[in-house]
C-alpha cells in the first residue's frame, strides 16, 4: 500500500504476476475443475505498479491513467533558498507512487558550513548538524558580518582518483565563467558560485581554507 493505493512495489513481483496471468489467460471466464474463473484480471500496471482491473478481450497491461499519459517528471520548483534547482530520482517505475521523486541539493545556510545535503523538501535550509542549533548561525552572523561566499578560499586539488586536474570551469548566476587552475586560489563572488564550489569540495575536486574574518 502507498497512501491508500494498492500497488506492487518490486518490479520482479510485477513480472511474476504478469507471467502467471499469461499462463491463466486462456482459462479466464471458463469452468476449471467445477468452478468458473473470473474473466476480469487484477494486474499490476507495467508503468506505475498500481493494481487495476484488466478486462477482456484485450487485457491491458497498463492502467487507464498510464495508458493515456505522456512521459513526465513530478512538478517541482526552485528551492525556497532561490538557488537550488530540483533533481529527480529514477524511481522504481516511470510513473506513480513509486516513480521518480524530486529532491534538492542544498548548501547549509550556517555561515561556516560547506555541507551540501540532499533533501526531498523545499523548506530545509540546514544540514543535520546545524538543523537543531540555528542560534549558532545567528550568533556567527552577528560576530562576523562577512557574506558567506566571501569567507572561503578555494584551490584546485592536484589530482582526483589518480588523474591530474588541469582546470575547473564554473558558471555563476550571471552566466560568467570562471576557471580554477593549479596554483591559483579563488573566492566565490556569490552564493551560486559558492554552492557549486561546495559541491566540488564534497567530490574532492577542490580544497578550501578560511579567509581572514573581518
Foldseek 3Di string as FASTA:
>chain_A
DFPPFAFDAALVVLVVQVVVCVVCQVQAQHADPNDHHHQWDFHQANAAGTTDTQHPDVRDNHDPVVVPDDQDDDDDAAAPVNAWGWDWDQFNGSDYPRGIAIKTFAQAPQLPGLDTDIDSDSHDRHDPVCPVPCVNSVVVCVVFVDGSLQFKKKAFDQDAPPHGDAWDWDQAPVRDIDIHGHPDIDGDPDPNRSNVVSVCVVRVGMDMDTDDTD
